[in-house]
Protein backbone atom coordinates (compact mmCIF):
# COMPACT_ATOMS: atom_id res chain seq x y z
CA MET A 1 75.70 111.25 122.37
CA PRO A 2 78.30 108.30 122.29
CA LYS A 3 81.16 111.76 122.35
CA LEU A 4 80.01 112.88 125.49
CA LYS A 5 79.15 109.13 127.07
CA LYS A 6 82.94 108.69 126.24
CA ILE A 7 84.34 111.23 128.01
CA PHE A 8 83.00 109.92 131.61
CA ASN A 9 82.56 106.22 130.70
CA CYS A 10 86.54 105.88 129.25
CA PHE A 11 87.29 102.22 128.59
CA GLU A 12 85.26 99.78 129.54
CA VAL A 13 87.12 96.60 130.85
CA LYS A 14 84.35 93.25 130.93
CA ASN A 15 84.38 90.54 132.91
CA GLU A 16 87.54 91.16 134.70
CA THR A 17 88.41 88.38 137.23
CA ALA A 18 91.90 88.59 138.97
CA THR A 19 93.56 86.02 136.27
CA THR A 20 91.86 87.07 133.13
CA ALA A 21 90.09 90.05 131.09
CA ASP A 22 87.87 90.23 128.14
CA LEU A 23 88.31 92.02 124.90
CA TYR A 24 85.81 92.74 122.21
CA PHE A 25 86.14 93.93 118.80
CA TYR A 26 82.40 94.64 117.88
CA GLY A 27 83.00 97.91 115.97
CA ASP A 28 85.15 99.58 113.41
CA ILE A 29 89.08 99.74 114.12
CA VAL A 30 89.57 103.61 114.38
CA SER A 31 92.38 105.48 114.48
CA ASP A 32 91.78 107.52 117.54
CA TRP A 33 88.83 109.15 120.11
CA TRP A 34 87.64 111.12 118.13
CA GLY A 35 87.07 108.40 115.17
CA ALA A 36 85.06 106.28 117.53
CA TRP A 37 81.63 107.38 116.83
CA GLN A 38 79.88 103.98 118.65
CA GLU A 39 80.65 102.60 121.99
CA GLU A 40 82.01 99.09 120.09
CA ASP A 41 84.35 100.83 117.78
CA GLN A 42 88.18 100.29 118.98
CA TYR A 43 91.51 102.32 118.67
CA PRO A 44 95.17 102.33 119.49
CA GLU A 45 95.20 104.30 122.38
CA ALA A 46 92.43 102.78 124.09
CA ILE A 47 94.35 99.30 123.79
CA LYS A 48 97.12 100.46 124.93
CA ASN A 49 95.33 101.69 128.18
CA PHE A 50 93.47 98.50 128.20
CA LEU A 51 96.67 96.19 128.10
CA ALA A 52 98.50 98.40 130.43
CA GLY A 53 95.59 97.80 133.35
CA GLN A 54 95.86 93.69 132.53
CA GLN A 55 99.48 93.20 133.17
CA GLY A 56 100.05 89.62 134.21
CA LYS A 57 96.67 88.47 133.77
CA ASN A 58 95.44 85.96 130.54
CA LEU A 59 93.23 87.72 127.96
CA ASN A 60 90.80 86.45 125.44
CA ILE A 61 89.85 88.03 122.87
CA TYR A 62 86.14 87.97 120.81
CA ILE A 63 85.90 89.61 117.09
CA ASN A 64 82.67 90.76 114.99
CA SER A 65 84.63 93.14 113.34
CA GLY A 66 84.61 94.64 109.29
CA GLY A 67 87.40 95.80 110.10
CA GLY A 68 88.49 99.68 109.67
CA SER A 69 92.01 101.83 109.31
CA VAL A 70 94.80 99.85 108.69
CA PHE A 71 97.99 101.50 110.46
CA ALA A 72 95.62 101.41 113.46
CA GLY A 73 94.91 97.89 113.00
CA ILE A 74 98.57 96.93 112.73
CA ALA A 75 99.13 98.98 115.66
CA ILE A 76 96.59 96.98 117.95
CA TYR A 77 97.99 93.51 116.42
CA ASN A 78 101.61 94.62 117.15
CA MET A 79 100.55 95.73 121.09
CA ILE A 80 98.91 92.57 121.35
CA LYS A 81 101.45 90.52 120.43
CA ARG A 82 103.72 91.75 122.78
CA PHE A 83 101.19 91.23 125.52
CA ALA A 84 100.85 87.61 124.27
CA GLU A 85 104.56 87.06 124.91
CA THR A 86 104.04 86.69 128.29
CA ALA A 87 100.55 86.11 129.02
CA GLU A 88 97.96 83.37 127.21
CA VAL A 89 95.84 85.36 124.78
CA LYS A 90 92.70 83.59 123.15
CA VAL A 91 91.41 84.95 120.13
CA TYR A 92 87.51 83.74 119.22
CA VAL A 93 85.60 84.82 116.05
CA ASP A 94 81.95 85.05 116.56
CA GLY A 95 80.63 86.44 113.33
CA LEU A 96 82.98 88.17 111.41
CA ALA A 97 87.01 88.97 111.73
CA GLY A 98 87.06 91.04 108.13
CA SER A 99 89.68 93.50 106.45
CA ILE A 100 92.14 94.39 109.09
CA ALA A 101 90.07 92.46 112.19
CA SER A 102 91.36 89.66 110.19
CA VAL A 103 94.95 90.60 111.08
CA ILE A 104 93.97 91.15 114.70
CA ALA A 105 92.67 87.81 114.81
CA PHE A 106 96.18 86.24 114.54
CA ALA A 107 97.61 88.26 117.65
CA GLY A 108 97.38 85.30 120.03
CA SER A 109 99.74 83.38 121.96
CA GLU A 110 97.69 80.68 119.83
CA ALA A 111 95.55 79.82 116.78
CA PRO A 112 92.23 81.67 116.48
CA LYS A 113 89.14 79.94 117.02
CA ILE A 114 86.69 80.15 114.36
CA PRO A 115 83.08 78.39 114.22
CA SER A 116 81.70 76.80 111.09
CA ASN A 117 79.33 79.52 110.08
CA ALA A 118 81.63 82.50 111.09
CA PHE A 119 84.16 84.08 108.77
CA LEU A 120 87.35 85.57 108.06
CA MET A 121 87.47 88.13 105.14
CA ILE A 122 90.74 89.10 103.40
CA HIS A 123 91.28 91.43 100.61
CA ASN A 124 93.59 94.54 99.68
CA PRO A 125 93.75 97.82 101.59
CA TRP A 126 91.75 100.35 99.70
CA ALA A 127 91.94 104.19 100.26
CA LEU A 128 90.06 107.40 99.34
CA VAL A 129 92.36 110.04 97.52
CA GLU A 130 91.98 113.23 95.50
CA GLY A 131 94.54 114.93 93.15
CA ASN A 132 96.25 114.92 90.08
CA SER A 133 97.76 111.87 88.10
CA ALA A 134 100.93 111.80 90.07
CA ASP A 135 98.98 111.82 93.28
CA LEU A 136 96.89 108.65 92.12
CA ARG A 137 99.77 106.56 91.13
CA LYS A 138 101.55 107.34 94.24
CA MET A 139 98.73 106.05 96.15
CA ALA A 140 98.41 103.12 94.08
CA ASP A 141 102.20 102.38 94.62
CA ASP A 142 101.46 103.08 98.23
CA LEU A 143 98.84 100.80 98.55
CA ASP A 144 100.84 98.22 97.08
CA VAL A 145 103.53 98.08 99.92
CA ILE A 146 100.74 98.24 102.46
CA SER A 147 99.19 95.13 100.91
CA GLY A 148 102.79 93.68 101.28
CA GLY A 149 102.84 94.37 105.03
CA ILE A 150 99.72 92.66 105.64
CA LEU A 151 100.82 89.90 103.67
CA ALA A 152 103.42 89.16 105.70
CA VAL A 153 101.45 88.79 108.39
CA TYR A 154 99.30 86.28 106.71
CA MET A 155 102.49 84.24 105.97
CA GLU A 156 103.17 84.01 109.56
CA HIS A 157 100.24 82.14 110.30
CA ALA A 158 99.96 80.49 106.96
CA LYS A 159 99.49 76.77 106.60
CA GLU A 160 102.92 74.81 105.69
CA GLY A 161 102.70 74.74 101.83
CA VAL A 162 100.57 77.32 101.27
CA THR A 163 102.36 79.96 98.91
CA GLU A 164 102.28 84.04 98.92
CA ASP A 165 100.92 83.97 95.18
CA GLN A 166 97.94 81.65 96.56
CA ILE A 167 97.22 84.35 99.77
CA ARG A 168 97.67 87.04 97.13
CA GLU A 169 95.25 85.50 95.06
CA LEU A 170 92.81 85.47 97.60
CA MET A 171 93.31 88.92 99.01
CA ASP A 172 93.05 90.38 95.21
CA ALA A 173 89.31 88.33 95.08
CA GLU A 174 88.59 90.03 98.26
CA THR A 175 87.72 86.24 99.76
CA TRP A 176 85.38 85.44 102.59
CA LEU A 177 86.73 82.30 104.36
CA SER A 178 84.38 80.11 106.83
CA GLY A 179 85.81 78.95 109.69
CA GLU A 180 86.65 75.59 107.68
CA GLU A 181 88.25 77.50 104.60
CA ALA A 182 89.76 79.25 106.54
CA ALA A 183 91.80 76.30 108.22
CA LYS A 184 92.73 75.53 104.55
CA TYR A 185 94.99 78.29 104.46
CA PHE A 186 95.99 79.06 108.26
CA GLU A 187 96.72 77.81 111.31
CA VAL A 188 93.33 78.22 112.69
CA GLU A 189 90.98 75.83 115.21
CA THR A 190 87.68 75.30 113.46
CA THR A 191 84.86 74.71 116.46
CA GLU A 192 81.45 73.61 115.85
CA SER A 193 79.03 76.10 114.58
CA VAL A 194 77.16 78.59 117.06
CA ALA A 195 73.55 78.86 116.93
CA GLU A 196 73.01 82.26 114.95
CA ILE A 197 76.26 84.11 112.97
CA ALA A 198 76.26 87.67 114.47
CA ALA A 199 75.93 90.48 111.44
CA ALA A 200 78.93 92.57 112.03
CA ALA A 201 77.98 96.43 112.37
CA GLY A 202 79.83 99.33 110.90
CA GLU A 203 80.70 101.39 107.84
CA TYR A 204 83.44 99.41 106.82
CA VAL A 205 81.63 95.76 106.18
CA ALA A 206 79.11 97.32 104.26
CA ARG A 207 81.45 98.74 101.46
CA SER A 208 82.65 94.82 100.75
CA HIS A 209 81.68 93.39 97.50
CA ASN A 210 81.19 89.50 98.00
CA MET A 211 79.25 89.12 101.17
CA PRO A 212 78.46 85.78 101.53
CA LYS A 213 74.47 85.20 101.35
CA ASP A 214 74.19 83.90 105.01
CA LEU A 215 75.57 87.24 106.40
CA VAL A 216 73.79 89.58 104.24
CA ILE A 217 70.63 87.83 105.43
CA ALA A 218 71.49 87.70 109.13
CA LYS A 219 72.81 91.81 108.94
CA GLN A 220 69.17 92.59 107.21
CA GLU A 221 67.23 90.37 110.12
CA ALA A 222 69.59 92.19 112.66
CA ALA A 223 68.44 95.60 110.84
CA ALA A 224 65.00 94.68 110.71
CA LYS A 225 64.98 93.45 114.69
CA THR A 226 66.28 96.81 115.72
CA LYS A 227 63.84 98.78 113.55
CA SER A 228 60.90 96.75 115.55
CA ASP A 229 62.61 97.12 118.96
CA ASN A 230 62.78 100.70 118.41
CA GLN A 231 59.16 100.92 116.85
CA ASP A 232 57.85 98.86 120.01
CA ALA A 233 59.63 101.07 121.78
CA ARG A 234 57.93 104.32 120.67
CA LYS A 235 54.77 102.79 120.94
CA ALA A 236 55.68 101.92 124.73
CA GLU A 237 56.53 105.71 125.24
CA LEU A 238 53.20 106.70 123.42
CA ILE A 239 51.25 104.52 125.58
CA GLN A 240 53.02 105.42 128.66
CA ASN A 241 52.71 109.64 127.76
CA SER A 242 48.85 109.01 126.72
CA SER A 243 48.48 107.59 130.29
CA LYS A 244 50.04 110.34 131.80
CA ARG A 245 47.95 112.75 130.25
CA ASP A 246 44.71 111.09 130.94
CA GLU A 247 45.85 111.04 134.58
CA ILE A 248 46.42 114.55 134.55
CA ALA A 249 42.90 115.52 133.06
CA ARG A 250 41.36 113.38 135.72
CA VAL A 251 43.04 115.51 138.46
CA ILE A 252 42.07 118.65 136.44
CA ILE A 253 38.37 117.76 136.47
CA GLN A 254 38.50 116.49 139.77
CA SER A 255 39.74 120.04 140.93
CA ILE A 256 36.93 122.00 139.14
């Protein structure tokens, strides 16, 4: 169970050296430990502890996430921005920086690197709400304020000449930008496409509406491969168990 496993493993630092460390956002962005159902999920407390242990080092950040909690993502963005004031922080979008993960992508000390076949997805925040008409109207107003905060981050990293109205239109439409398309609006570095685009997992990317066909196919292929791998593992287990039963039967027969 992920929860029990986390108690003992805590936060894992990958590829740590005396001068650099790697940080991966390969799951959902959640509010706290209780919301992290997969080992890949990230939350502010974990990032705070991670950064505290990497003082004086440079940082490489790798992103393949469909996003998650807005406030958790903003907190993570601000923490990494502060860390980048005294260290070199490079950001690489491996497959998708979607929703609030697209904000984290701009937290480095230089422009994020996005392959031409990877994506930056931006949209307006959404929320689940219940209540009377006044509650629903208030939530709509709150979402507009939150959207304005996200827009402010995007505009800090927008290319010269790009207007707020342009970015608002992209957010309203839930826009998926390839590395090359993102470079038209934001200060990003487009790199050559990689052999395969990684299919971002998580519940948040599953709720998007305009996912590009290539990414949909990649997700389907990844799911099919996982299913096939699980079936192969099950077959191997059955074969192994069958062999054990046969051996036990031989021992019993020989002892009769």
